Amino acid sequence: MNVNSMVGFQNLPAQSFTTTTSTALLVPAQGLTTSLPSPTLAAGSGLYIGVPQDVAGSEMDGHAFKIRVVGKIFTGAASTFTQILYQVPAATIAAGTVSTLANNNSFVAPGASAAITGAANFLLEVEAIWDSTSTKLTGFITSSVVAGAAVSTIGTVGSVLTVPFTTAAGVNGLNFIPAFAFATANAANTVTVTEFTLDRV
């Protein structure tokens, strides 16, 4: 996090990934980190971040912002690793189904990494823009690295999403959640997110 960070989390505990199913980042159990769970983010639910509710007409309306996901992975066996960033609609948050990825919209899906065995790290950073007139959310990948190698070409995110300015349960549609997948199932597979932030640009 830095002085431009609006919201985010750091140094989350490791999350296990025992299957090959793409799985959302989850809110850790009570006692594992100081700020979570919270009244709005229950343990075991999808861990998302978003811009403030009053985004229309604000400093975020028509101005660039960055979403950054950084962390460490561990594979129990040789495996490829994929990171995906989803946009979470306000209605999905209101329904309490954020961790069900089918309820969200894929915004960035970098390619899978080369085979990794043991420990590695990853970085995904996206610069995005939305405005209340066009209601289009788009952007470009500024960094996409796993184990020190680029896993996606820096460029457009591949998805232009229509995100109208509507609110439900006190949130708007500019919310984001990362998801991760290992190609080889193993009980030792983990992801430790060291930074998940949203910055003004």
N, C-alpha and C. Protein backbone atom coordinates (compact mmCIF):
# COMPACT_ATOMS: atom_id res chain seq x y z
N MET A 1 0.85 -1.18 0.00
CA MET A 1 0.00 0.00 0.00
C MET A 1 0.89 1.23 0.00
N ASN A 2 0.34 2.35 -0.52
CA ASN A 2 1.09 3.60 -0.54
C ASN A 2 0.12 4.75 -0.28
N VAL A 3 0.59 6.00 -0.39
CA VAL A 3 -0.25 7.15 -0.08
C VAL A 3 -1.44 7.28 -1.02
N ASN A 4 -1.39 6.62 -2.19
CA ASN A 4 -2.50 6.68 -3.14
C ASN A 4 -3.52 5.56 -2.93
N SER A 5 -3.25 4.66 -2.01
CA SER A 5 -4.15 3.52 -1.79
C SER A 5 -5.43 3.99 -1.11
N MET A 6 -6.56 3.61 -1.71
CA MET A 6 -7.87 3.96 -1.16
C MET A 6 -8.37 2.90 -0.19
N VAL A 7 -8.14 1.66 -0.56
CA VAL A 7 -8.63 0.55 0.24
C VAL A 7 -7.77 -0.66 -0.08
N GLY A 8 -7.66 -1.59 0.87
CA GLY A 8 -6.90 -2.79 0.57
C GLY A 8 -6.52 -3.57 1.81
N PHE A 9 -5.82 -4.66 1.57
CA PHE A 9 -5.40 -5.56 2.64
C PHE A 9 -3.96 -5.98 2.38
N GLN A 10 -3.24 -6.23 3.46
CA GLN A 10 -1.85 -6.68 3.35
C GLN A 10 -1.63 -7.89 4.24
N ASN A 11 -0.68 -8.73 3.82
CA ASN A 11 -0.18 -9.84 4.63
C ASN A 11 -1.30 -10.74 5.15
N LEU A 12 -2.12 -11.21 4.23
CA LEU A 12 -3.19 -12.13 4.59
C LEU A 12 -2.62 -13.52 4.84
N PRO A 13 -3.28 -14.33 5.65
CA PRO A 13 -2.78 -15.68 5.88
C PRO A 13 -2.92 -16.55 4.62
N ALA A 14 -2.15 -17.61 4.55
CA ALA A 14 -2.19 -18.52 3.40
C ALA A 14 -3.58 -19.14 3.26
N GLN A 15 -4.02 -19.29 2.02
CA GLN A 15 -5.29 -19.95 1.71
C GLN A 15 -4.98 -21.22 0.94
N SER A 16 -5.57 -22.34 1.33
CA SER A 16 -5.33 -23.63 0.68
C SER A 16 -6.18 -23.78 -0.58
N PHE A 17 -5.60 -24.43 -1.59
CA PHE A 17 -6.28 -24.73 -2.85
C PHE A 17 -6.04 -26.22 -3.14
N THR A 18 -6.96 -27.06 -2.74
CA THR A 18 -6.75 -28.51 -2.83
C THR A 18 -7.31 -29.12 -4.10
N THR A 19 -8.04 -28.33 -4.91
CA THR A 19 -8.60 -28.83 -6.15
C THR A 19 -8.10 -27.98 -7.31
N THR A 20 -8.51 -28.32 -8.52
CA THR A 20 -8.11 -27.54 -9.69
C THR A 20 -9.15 -26.47 -10.04
N THR A 21 -10.19 -26.35 -9.25
CA THR A 21 -11.25 -25.37 -9.50
C THR A 21 -10.75 -23.96 -9.20
N SER A 22 -11.05 -23.01 -10.07
CA SER A 22 -10.72 -21.61 -9.81
C SER A 22 -11.50 -21.16 -8.58
N THR A 23 -10.79 -20.60 -7.60
CA THR A 23 -11.39 -20.28 -6.31
C THR A 23 -11.09 -18.83 -5.94
N ALA A 24 -12.11 -18.14 -5.43
CA ALA A 24 -11.97 -16.75 -5.02
C ALA A 24 -11.12 -16.63 -3.76
N LEU A 25 -10.49 -15.47 -3.60
CA LEU A 25 -9.82 -15.13 -2.35
C LEU A 25 -10.91 -15.01 -1.28
N LEU A 26 -10.69 -15.64 -0.13
CA LEU A 26 -11.70 -15.67 0.93
C LEU A 26 -11.25 -14.88 2.15
N VAL A 27 -12.23 -14.39 2.90
CA VAL A 27 -11.97 -13.70 4.17
C VAL A 27 -11.46 -14.74 5.17
N PRO A 28 -10.31 -14.49 5.80
CA PRO A 28 -9.78 -15.48 6.75
C PRO A 28 -10.63 -15.60 8.01
N ALA A 29 -10.40 -16.67 8.72
CA ALA A 29 -11.11 -16.93 9.97
C ALA A 29 -10.69 -15.93 11.05
N GLN A 30 -11.51 -15.82 12.06
CA GLN A 30 -11.24 -14.92 13.19
C GLN A 30 -9.89 -15.25 13.82
N GLY A 31 -9.12 -14.20 14.15
CA GLY A 31 -7.87 -14.37 14.86
C GLY A 31 -6.64 -14.54 13.99
N LEU A 32 -6.80 -14.64 12.66
CA LEU A 32 -5.63 -14.84 11.79
C LEU A 32 -5.03 -13.53 11.29
N THR A 33 -5.83 -12.46 11.29
CA THR A 33 -5.34 -11.14 10.90
C THR A 33 -6.13 -10.10 11.67
N THR A 34 -5.56 -8.92 11.86
CA THR A 34 -6.17 -7.95 12.77
C THR A 34 -7.45 -7.30 12.22
N SER A 35 -7.56 -7.10 10.92
CA SER A 35 -8.69 -6.34 10.38
C SER A 35 -9.84 -7.20 9.84
N LEU A 36 -9.66 -8.51 9.83
CA LEU A 36 -10.67 -9.40 9.26
C LEU A 36 -10.90 -10.58 10.20
N PRO A 37 -12.12 -11.15 10.19
CA PRO A 37 -13.32 -10.69 9.49
C PRO A 37 -13.82 -9.36 10.07
N SER A 38 -14.84 -8.79 9.39
CA SER A 38 -15.40 -7.51 9.81
C SER A 38 -16.92 -7.60 9.73
N PRO A 39 -17.62 -6.56 10.16
CA PRO A 39 -19.09 -6.59 10.06
C PRO A 39 -19.62 -6.78 8.64
N THR A 40 -18.87 -6.31 7.64
CA THR A 40 -19.33 -6.45 6.25
C THR A 40 -18.63 -7.59 5.50
N LEU A 41 -17.57 -8.13 6.06
CA LEU A 41 -16.82 -9.21 5.40
C LEU A 41 -16.72 -10.39 6.37
N ALA A 42 -17.66 -11.30 6.26
CA ALA A 42 -17.71 -12.45 7.16
C ALA A 42 -16.66 -13.48 6.80
N ALA A 43 -16.15 -14.18 7.78
CA ALA A 43 -15.17 -15.24 7.55
C ALA A 43 -15.72 -16.26 6.56
N GLY A 44 -14.89 -16.61 5.58
CA GLY A 44 -15.28 -17.59 4.57
C GLY A 44 -15.99 -17.01 3.37
N SER A 45 -16.35 -15.73 3.42
CA SER A 45 -16.99 -15.10 2.25
C SER A 45 -15.91 -14.57 1.32
N GLY A 46 -16.30 -14.14 0.12
CA GLY A 46 -15.34 -13.62 -0.83
C GLY A 46 -14.76 -12.30 -0.36
N LEU A 47 -13.43 -12.15 -0.44
CA LEU A 47 -12.76 -10.93 -0.01
C LEU A 47 -12.59 -9.99 -1.20
N TYR A 48 -13.41 -8.95 -1.24
CA TYR A 48 -13.39 -8.00 -2.35
C TYR A 48 -13.00 -6.61 -1.84
N ILE A 49 -12.56 -5.77 -2.77
CA ILE A 49 -12.34 -4.35 -2.48
C ILE A 49 -13.11 -3.55 -3.51
N GLY A 50 -13.45 -2.31 -3.17
CA GLY A 50 -14.21 -1.48 -4.10
C GLY A 50 -14.03 -0.01 -3.82
N VAL A 51 -14.40 0.80 -4.80
CA VAL A 51 -14.33 2.25 -4.63
C VAL A 51 -15.51 2.70 -3.78
N PRO A 52 -15.45 3.89 -3.19
CA PRO A 52 -16.53 4.35 -2.32
C PRO A 52 -17.88 4.42 -3.06
N GLN A 53 -18.94 4.36 -2.28
CA GLN A 53 -20.29 4.34 -2.85
C GLN A 53 -20.59 5.57 -3.69
N ASP A 54 -20.04 6.73 -3.31
CA ASP A 54 -20.36 7.98 -3.99
C ASP A 54 -19.43 8.25 -5.18
N VAL A 55 -19.12 7.22 -5.96
CA VAL A 55 -18.17 7.36 -7.06
C VAL A 55 -18.66 8.28 -8.17
N ALA A 56 -19.97 8.31 -8.46
CA ALA A 56 -20.48 9.17 -9.54
C ALA A 56 -20.21 10.63 -9.20
N GLY A 57 -19.51 11.31 -10.10
CA GLY A 57 -19.17 12.71 -9.89
C GLY A 57 -17.99 12.94 -8.97
N SER A 58 -17.35 11.87 -8.52
CA SER A 58 -16.23 12.01 -7.59
C SER A 58 -14.91 12.01 -8.33
N GLU A 59 -13.81 11.98 -7.54
CA GLU A 59 -12.48 11.96 -8.14
C GLU A 59 -12.19 10.66 -8.89
N MET A 60 -13.05 9.64 -8.73
CA MET A 60 -12.89 8.38 -9.45
C MET A 60 -13.67 8.35 -10.76
N ASP A 61 -14.57 9.27 -10.97
CA ASP A 61 -15.44 9.30 -12.15
C ASP A 61 -14.65 9.84 -13.35
N GLY A 62 -14.26 8.93 -14.25
CA GLY A 62 -13.49 9.35 -15.42
C GLY A 62 -12.01 9.52 -15.15
N HIS A 63 -11.54 9.02 -14.02
CA HIS A 63 -10.12 9.10 -13.67
C HIS A 63 -9.57 7.69 -13.48
N ALA A 64 -8.33 7.49 -13.87
CA ALA A 64 -7.73 6.16 -13.80
C ALA A 64 -7.49 5.72 -12.36
N PHE A 65 -7.55 4.42 -12.14
CA PHE A 65 -7.20 3.84 -10.86
C PHE A 65 -6.54 2.49 -11.11
N LYS A 66 -5.83 1.96 -10.10
CA LYS A 66 -5.12 0.69 -10.25
C LYS A 66 -5.62 -0.33 -9.25
N ILE A 67 -5.71 -1.57 -9.71
CA ILE A 67 -5.99 -2.70 -8.84
C ILE A 67 -4.72 -3.56 -8.84
N ARG A 68 -4.22 -3.90 -7.65
CA ARG A 68 -2.97 -4.65 -7.56
C ARG A 68 -3.16 -5.87 -6.64
N VAL A 69 -2.72 -7.03 -7.12
CA VAL A 69 -2.75 -8.26 -6.33
C VAL A 69 -1.35 -8.85 -6.37
N VAL A 70 -0.75 -9.04 -5.19
CA VAL A 70 0.62 -9.51 -5.08
C VAL A 70 0.66 -10.63 -4.05
N GLY A 71 1.50 -11.61 -4.27
CA GLY A 71 1.57 -12.65 -3.26
C GLY A 71 2.59 -13.72 -3.53
N LYS A 72 2.50 -14.77 -2.73
CA LYS A 72 3.40 -15.92 -2.81
C LYS A 72 2.55 -17.18 -2.99
N ILE A 73 3.07 -18.11 -3.77
CA ILE A 73 2.37 -19.38 -3.95
C ILE A 73 3.30 -20.52 -3.57
N PHE A 74 2.68 -21.63 -3.25
CA PHE A 74 3.44 -22.85 -3.00
C PHE A 74 2.69 -24.00 -3.65
N THR A 75 3.40 -24.80 -4.42
CA THR A 75 2.79 -25.97 -5.05
C THR A 75 3.37 -27.23 -4.42
N GLY A 76 2.48 -28.16 -4.12
CA GLY A 76 2.93 -29.43 -3.56
C GLY A 76 3.47 -30.37 -4.62
N ALA A 77 3.14 -30.09 -5.89
CA ALA A 77 3.63 -30.87 -7.03
C ALA A 77 3.73 -29.91 -8.21
N ALA A 78 4.46 -30.28 -9.24
CA ALA A 78 4.60 -29.41 -10.41
C ALA A 78 3.22 -29.03 -10.93
N SER A 79 3.02 -27.73 -11.11
CA SER A 79 1.69 -27.26 -11.51
C SER A 79 1.81 -25.91 -12.18
N THR A 80 0.85 -25.59 -13.03
CA THR A 80 0.73 -24.23 -13.54
C THR A 80 -0.25 -23.48 -12.65
N PHE A 81 -0.12 -22.16 -12.63
CA PHE A 81 -0.88 -21.30 -11.73
C PHE A 81 -1.53 -20.20 -12.56
N THR A 82 -2.79 -19.95 -12.32
CA THR A 82 -3.53 -18.91 -13.04
C THR A 82 -4.15 -17.94 -12.06
N GLN A 83 -4.06 -16.66 -12.37
CA GLN A 83 -4.71 -15.63 -11.57
C GLN A 83 -5.75 -14.91 -12.42
N ILE A 84 -6.89 -14.62 -11.83
CA ILE A 84 -8.00 -13.98 -12.55
C ILE A 84 -8.53 -12.86 -11.67
N LEU A 85 -8.93 -11.75 -12.27
CA LEU A 85 -9.53 -10.64 -11.54
C LEU A 85 -10.96 -10.47 -12.03
N TYR A 86 -11.91 -10.46 -11.09
CA TYR A 86 -13.32 -10.31 -11.40
C TYR A 86 -13.85 -8.96 -10.93
N GLN A 87 -14.83 -8.43 -11.66
CA GLN A 87 -15.63 -7.29 -11.22
C GLN A 87 -16.85 -7.86 -10.51
N VAL A 88 -17.14 -7.33 -9.33
CA VAL A 88 -18.24 -7.84 -8.51
C VAL A 88 -19.41 -6.85 -8.55
N PRO A 89 -20.55 -7.24 -9.13
CA PRO A 89 -21.71 -6.35 -9.16
C PRO A 89 -22.24 -6.06 -7.75
N ALA A 90 -22.86 -4.90 -7.58
CA ALA A 90 -23.44 -4.54 -6.29
C ALA A 90 -24.48 -5.56 -5.85
N ALA A 91 -25.26 -6.08 -6.79
CA ALA A 91 -26.31 -7.04 -6.44
C ALA A 91 -25.72 -8.34 -5.89
N THR A 92 -24.54 -8.72 -6.37
CA THR A 92 -23.88 -9.93 -5.87
C THR A 92 -23.46 -9.75 -4.42
N ILE A 93 -22.95 -8.56 -4.09
CA ILE A 93 -22.59 -8.27 -2.71
C ILE A 93 -23.83 -8.28 -1.83
N ALA A 94 -24.91 -7.65 -2.32
CA ALA A 94 -26.16 -7.62 -1.54
C ALA A 94 -26.69 -9.02 -1.28
N ALA A 95 -26.51 -9.93 -2.25
CA ALA A 95 -26.99 -11.30 -2.11
C ALA A 95 -26.07 -12.16 -1.26
N GLY A 96 -24.86 -11.67 -0.98
CA GLY A 96 -23.91 -12.43 -0.17
C GLY A 96 -23.28 -13.60 -0.90
N THR A 97 -23.17 -13.47 -2.24
CA THR A 97 -22.65 -14.59 -3.05
C THR A 97 -21.39 -14.20 -3.81
N VAL A 98 -20.56 -13.37 -3.21
CA VAL A 98 -19.35 -12.87 -3.88
C VAL A 98 -18.39 -13.99 -4.24
N SER A 99 -18.26 -15.01 -3.38
CA SER A 99 -17.29 -16.07 -3.64
C SER A 99 -17.73 -17.02 -4.74
N THR A 100 -19.00 -16.96 -5.15
CA THR A 100 -19.48 -17.77 -6.28
C THR A 100 -19.11 -17.02 -7.55
N LEU A 101 -18.02 -17.43 -8.19
CA LEU A 101 -17.44 -16.66 -9.29
C LEU A 101 -18.39 -16.49 -10.46
N ALA A 102 -19.33 -17.41 -10.65
CA ALA A 102 -20.29 -17.29 -11.74
C ALA A 102 -21.18 -16.07 -11.58
N ASN A 103 -21.26 -15.52 -10.38
CA ASN A 103 -22.07 -14.32 -10.13
C ASN A 103 -21.31 -13.03 -10.45
N ASN A 104 -20.02 -13.15 -10.76
CA ASN A 104 -19.18 -12.00 -11.04
C ASN A 104 -18.83 -11.96 -12.52
N ASN A 105 -18.15 -10.89 -12.94
CA ASN A 105 -17.76 -10.74 -14.34
C ASN A 105 -16.24 -10.80 -14.47
N SER A 106 -15.74 -11.69 -15.31
CA SER A 106 -14.30 -11.79 -15.53
C SER A 106 -13.80 -10.50 -16.16
N PHE A 107 -12.84 -9.86 -15.51
CA PHE A 107 -12.30 -8.59 -16.00
C PHE A 107 -10.90 -8.78 -16.57
N VAL A 108 -10.08 -9.55 -15.90
CA VAL A 108 -8.71 -9.82 -16.35
C VAL A 108 -8.40 -11.29 -16.11
N ALA A 109 -7.98 -11.98 -17.14
CA ALA A 109 -7.61 -13.40 -17.01
C ALA A 109 -6.27 -13.64 -17.70
N PRO A 110 -5.15 -13.30 -17.03
CA PRO A 110 -3.84 -13.56 -17.62
C PRO A 110 -3.62 -15.05 -17.85
N GLY A 111 -2.72 -15.36 -18.75
CA GLY A 111 -2.43 -16.75 -19.04
C GLY A 111 -1.81 -17.48 -17.86
N ALA A 112 -1.89 -18.79 -17.89
CA ALA A 112 -1.30 -19.61 -16.83
C ALA A 112 0.22 -19.51 -16.87
N SER A 113 0.84 -19.69 -15.73
CA SER A 113 2.29 -19.66 -15.66
C SER A 113 2.87 -20.97 -16.19
N ALA A 114 4.18 -20.97 -16.37
CA ALA A 114 4.88 -22.21 -16.68
C ALA A 114 4.82 -23.10 -15.44
N ALA A 115 5.15 -24.37 -15.60
CA ALA A 115 5.10 -25.30 -14.47
C ALA A 115 6.01 -24.82 -13.34
N ILE A 116 5.46 -24.85 -12.14
CA ILE A 116 6.18 -24.42 -10.94
C ILE A 116 6.17 -25.57 -9.95
N THR A 117 7.27 -25.77 -9.28
CA THR A 117 7.32 -26.73 -8.17
C THR A 117 7.87 -26.00 -6.96
N GLY A 118 7.12 -26.03 -5.87
CA GLY A 118 7.57 -25.37 -4.65
C GLY A 118 7.13 -23.92 -4.59
N ALA A 119 8.02 -23.05 -4.10
CA ALA A 119 7.67 -21.66 -3.83
C ALA A 119 7.90 -20.77 -5.04
N ALA A 120 7.02 -19.78 -5.20
CA ALA A 120 7.14 -18.77 -6.25
C ALA A 120 6.35 -17.55 -5.80
N ASN A 121 6.42 -16.50 -6.61
CA ASN A 121 5.64 -15.31 -6.30
C ASN A 121 4.86 -14.85 -7.53
N PHE A 122 3.94 -13.90 -7.33
CA PHE A 122 3.15 -13.40 -8.45
C PHE A 122 2.79 -11.94 -8.24
N LEU A 123 2.49 -11.27 -9.35
CA LEU A 123 2.08 -9.88 -9.34
C LEU A 123 1.11 -9.67 -10.50
N LEU A 124 -0.03 -9.08 -10.19
CA LEU A 124 -0.98 -8.66 -11.21
C LEU A 124 -1.38 -7.23 -10.90
N GLU A 125 -1.16 -6.34 -11.87
CA GLU A 125 -1.56 -4.94 -11.69
C GLU A 125 -2.30 -4.48 -12.95
N VAL A 126 -3.44 -3.87 -12.73
CA VAL A 126 -4.30 -3.41 -13.82
C VAL A 126 -4.63 -1.94 -13.61
N GLU A 127 -4.45 -1.14 -14.65
CA GLU A 127 -4.90 0.25 -14.60
C GLU A 127 -6.24 0.31 -15.31
N ALA A 128 -7.25 0.84 -14.63
CA ALA A 128 -8.62 0.82 -15.15
C ALA A 128 -9.23 2.21 -15.13
N ILE A 129 -10.34 2.35 -15.87
CA ILE A 129 -11.07 3.60 -15.88
C ILE A 129 -12.56 3.30 -16.06
N TRP A 130 -13.37 4.09 -15.40
CA TRP A 130 -14.84 4.02 -15.49
C TRP A 130 -15.37 5.43 -15.40
N ASP A 131 -16.45 5.69 -16.11
CA ASP A 131 -17.10 6.99 -15.91
C ASP A 131 -18.61 6.80 -15.91
N SER A 132 -19.29 7.69 -15.21
CA SER A 132 -20.73 7.54 -14.99
C SER A 132 -21.56 7.86 -16.22
N THR A 133 -20.97 8.45 -17.26
CA THR A 133 -21.72 8.75 -18.49
C THR A 133 -21.77 7.54 -19.41
N SER A 134 -20.60 6.98 -19.73
CA SER A 134 -20.57 5.81 -20.62
C SER A 134 -20.88 4.52 -19.86
N THR A 135 -20.62 4.50 -18.58
CA THR A 135 -20.73 3.33 -17.68
C THR A 135 -19.84 2.18 -18.12
N LYS A 136 -18.80 2.45 -18.90
CA LYS A 136 -17.89 1.40 -19.36
C LYS A 136 -16.69 1.30 -18.43
N LEU A 137 -16.40 0.08 -18.02
CA LEU A 137 -15.22 -0.21 -17.23
C LEU A 137 -14.22 -0.91 -18.14
N THR A 138 -13.05 -0.34 -18.30
CA THR A 138 -12.02 -0.94 -19.13
C THR A 138 -10.65 -0.57 -18.57
N GLY A 139 -9.61 -1.03 -19.23
CA GLY A 139 -8.28 -0.70 -18.75
C GLY A 139 -7.23 -1.53 -19.46
N PHE A 140 -6.03 -1.62 -18.85
CA PHE A 140 -4.98 -2.42 -19.43
C PHE A 140 -4.12 -3.02 -18.34
N ILE A 141 -3.52 -4.16 -18.65
CA ILE A 141 -2.63 -4.84 -17.72
C ILE A 141 -1.29 -4.12 -17.73
N THR A 142 -0.84 -3.68 -16.56
CA THR A 142 0.47 -3.04 -16.47
C THR A 142 1.55 -4.01 -15.99
N SER A 143 1.15 -5.06 -15.24
CA SER A 143 2.09 -6.10 -14.81
C SER A 143 1.34 -7.41 -14.65
N SER A 144 1.94 -8.49 -15.13
CA SER A 144 1.37 -9.82 -14.95
C SER A 144 2.53 -10.81 -14.95
N VAL A 145 2.98 -11.17 -13.75
CA VAL A 145 4.20 -11.95 -13.59
C VAL A 145 3.95 -13.08 -12.59
N VAL A 146 4.44 -14.27 -12.91
CA VAL A 146 4.45 -15.40 -11.98
C VAL A 146 5.85 -16.01 -12.01
N ALA A 147 6.43 -16.19 -10.85
CA ALA A 147 7.77 -16.79 -10.72
C ALA A 147 8.81 -16.06 -11.56
N GLY A 148 8.68 -14.74 -11.63
CA GLY A 148 9.66 -13.94 -12.34
C GLY A 148 9.51 -13.88 -13.84
N ALA A 149 8.49 -14.53 -14.39
CA ALA A 149 8.28 -14.53 -15.84
C ALA A 149 6.92 -13.92 -16.17
N ALA A 150 6.88 -13.13 -17.23
CA ALA A 150 5.62 -12.56 -17.67
C ALA A 150 4.67 -13.66 -18.12
N VAL A 151 3.43 -13.60 -17.67
CA VAL A 151 2.45 -14.61 -18.07
C VAL A 151 1.32 -14.03 -18.92
N SER A 152 1.42 -12.74 -19.21
CA SER A 152 0.44 -12.12 -20.08
C SER A 152 1.07 -10.91 -20.72
N THR A 153 0.71 -10.63 -21.96
CA THR A 153 1.21 -9.45 -22.64
C THR A 153 0.62 -8.21 -21.99
N ILE A 154 1.46 -7.23 -21.74
CA ILE A 154 0.96 -5.97 -21.21
C ILE A 154 0.10 -5.34 -22.29
N GLY A 155 -1.11 -5.01 -21.94
CA GLY A 155 -2.03 -4.43 -22.91
C GLY A 155 -3.45 -4.47 -22.39
N THR A 156 -4.40 -4.43 -23.30
CA THR A 156 -5.80 -4.33 -22.89
C THR A 156 -6.22 -5.56 -22.11
N VAL A 157 -7.22 -5.37 -21.25
CA VAL A 157 -7.64 -6.45 -20.38
C VAL A 157 -8.51 -7.47 -21.09
N GLY A 158 -9.02 -7.13 -22.27
CA GLY A 158 -9.80 -8.10 -23.03
C GLY A 158 -11.28 -8.08 -22.72
N SER A 159 -11.69 -7.35 -21.68
CA SER A 159 -13.10 -7.28 -21.34
C SER A 159 -13.48 -5.82 -21.10
N VAL A 160 -14.45 -5.33 -21.85
CA VAL A 160 -15.04 -4.03 -21.58
C VAL A 160 -16.38 -4.31 -20.95
N LEU A 161 -16.54 -3.94 -19.69
CA LEU A 161 -17.75 -4.25 -18.95
C LEU A 161 -18.63 -3.01 -18.80
N THR A 162 -19.92 -3.21 -18.90
CA THR A 162 -20.86 -2.14 -18.62
C THR A 162 -21.22 -2.22 -17.14
N VAL A 163 -20.87 -1.18 -16.40
CA VAL A 163 -21.12 -1.15 -14.96
C VAL A 163 -21.94 0.11 -14.66
N PRO A 164 -23.26 0.01 -14.73
CA PRO A 164 -24.09 1.19 -14.45
C PRO A 164 -23.96 1.62 -13.01
N PHE A 165 -24.17 2.90 -12.76
CA PHE A 165 -24.07 3.40 -11.40
C PHE A 165 -25.38 3.13 -10.67
N THR A 166 -25.44 1.98 -10.06
CA THR A 166 -26.56 1.63 -9.19
C THR A 166 -25.96 1.13 -7.89
N THR A 167 -26.68 1.28 -6.81
CA THR A 167 -26.18 0.81 -5.53
C THR A 167 -27.13 -0.20 -4.93
N ALA A 168 -26.59 -1.12 -4.21
CA ALA A 168 -27.37 -2.09 -3.46
C ALA A 168 -26.62 -2.36 -2.17
N ALA A 169 -27.31 -2.33 -1.08
CA ALA A 169 -26.71 -2.57 0.23
C ALA A 169 -25.54 -1.63 0.51
N GLY A 170 -25.63 -0.40 0.00
CA GLY A 170 -24.59 0.58 0.30
C GLY A 170 -23.32 0.47 -0.51
N VAL A 171 -23.33 -0.27 -1.61
CA VAL A 171 -22.14 -0.38 -2.46
C VAL A 171 -22.54 -0.16 -3.91
N ASN A 172 -21.55 0.19 -4.75
CA ASN A 172 -21.80 0.31 -6.19
C ASN A 172 -21.15 -0.88 -6.89
N GLY A 173 -21.07 -0.82 -8.21
CA GLY A 173 -20.57 -1.97 -8.96
C GLY A 173 -19.08 -2.01 -9.19
N LEU A 174 -18.32 -1.04 -8.69
CA LEU A 174 -16.88 -1.01 -8.92
C LEU A 174 -16.15 -1.73 -7.79
N ASN A 175 -16.33 -3.03 -7.77
CA ASN A 175 -15.74 -3.90 -6.76
C ASN A 175 -14.96 -5.00 -7.47
N PHE A 176 -13.92 -5.49 -6.82
CA PHE A 176 -13.04 -6.46 -7.48
C PHE A 176 -12.64 -7.56 -6.51
N ILE A 177 -12.50 -8.78 -7.06
CA ILE A 177 -12.05 -9.92 -6.27
C ILE A 177 -11.13 -10.78 -7.14
N PRO A 178 -9.99 -11.20 -6.60
CA PRO A 178 -9.13 -12.10 -7.36
C PRO A 178 -9.51 -13.55 -7.12
N ALA A 179 -9.17 -14.39 -8.07
CA ALA A 179 -9.35 -15.83 -7.95
C ALA A 179 -8.10 -16.50 -8.48
N PHE A 180 -7.85 -17.73 -8.00
CA PHE A 180 -6.62 -18.43 -8.35
C PHE A 180 -6.94 -19.88 -8.66
N ALA A 181 -6.10 -20.50 -9.49
CA ALA A 181 -6.29 -21.91 -9.82
C ALA A 181 -4.93 -22.58 -10.03
N PHE A 182 -4.84 -23.80 -9.57
CA PHE A 182 -3.67 -24.65 -9.81
C PHE A 182 -4.11 -25.77 -10.77
N ALA A 183 -3.30 -26.07 -11.76
CA ALA A 183 -3.67 -27.10 -12.74
C ALA A 183 -3.57 -28.51 -12.16
N THR A 184 -2.76 -28.67 -11.11
CA THR A 184 -2.59 -29.98 -10.48
C THR A 184 -3.10 -29.90 -9.04
N ALA A 185 -4.07 -30.73 -8.70
CA ALA A 185 -4.61 -30.75 -7.35
C ALA A 185 -3.58 -31.30 -6.37
N ASN A 186 -3.42 -30.64 -5.24
CA ASN A 186 -2.50 -31.12 -4.21
C ASN A 186 -2.86 -30.44 -2.90
N ALA A 187 -2.88 -31.18 -1.83
CA ALA A 187 -3.26 -30.65 -0.52
C ALA A 187 -2.32 -29.57 -0.03
N ALA A 188 -1.11 -29.50 -0.57
CA ALA A 188 -0.12 -28.52 -0.12
C ALA A 188 -0.18 -27.20 -0.90
N ASN A 189 -1.03 -27.09 -1.92
CA ASN A 189 -1.10 -25.86 -2.72
C ASN A 189 -1.67 -24.71 -1.89
N THR A 190 -0.93 -23.60 -1.85
CA THR A 190 -1.41 -22.42 -1.11
C THR A 190 -1.12 -21.14 -1.88
N VAL A 191 -1.92 -20.12 -1.56
CA VAL A 191 -1.68 -18.76 -2.03
C VAL A 191 -1.68 -17.86 -0.80
N THR A 192 -0.66 -17.05 -0.66
CA THR A 192 -0.57 -16.07 0.42
C THR A 192 -0.56 -14.69 -0.21
N VAL A 193 -1.66 -13.96 -0.10
CA VAL A 193 -1.75 -12.62 -0.68
C VAL A 193 -1.08 -11.63 0.26
N THR A 194 -0.03 -10.98 -0.22
CA THR A 194 0.70 -10.01 0.59
C THR A 194 0.20 -8.59 0.35
N GLU A 195 -0.50 -8.35 -0.77
CA GLU A 195 -1.09 -7.04 -1.03
C GLU A 195 -2.24 -7.19 -2.01
N PHE A 196 -3.37 -6.58 -1.66
CA PHE A 196 -4.55 -6.51 -2.52
C PHE A 196 -5.12 -5.12 -2.32
N THR A 197 -4.82 -4.21 -3.26
CA THR A 197 -5.14 -2.81 -3.05
C THR A 197 -5.76 -2.17 -4.27
N LEU A 198 -6.42 -1.04 -4.03
CA LEU A 198 -6.97 -0.20 -5.07
C LEU A 198 -6.40 1.19 -4.87
N ASP A 199 -5.69 1.72 -5.89
CA ASP A 199 -5.00 3.00 -5.79
C ASP A 199 -5.59 4.03 -6.74
N ARG A 200 -5.57 5.28 -6.31
CA ARG A 200 -5.79 6.39 -7.25
C ARG A 200 -4.54 6.52 -8.12
N VAL A 201 -4.71 7.01 -9.33
CA VAL A 201 -3.56 7.23 -10.21
C VAL A 201 -3.37 8.71 -10.42
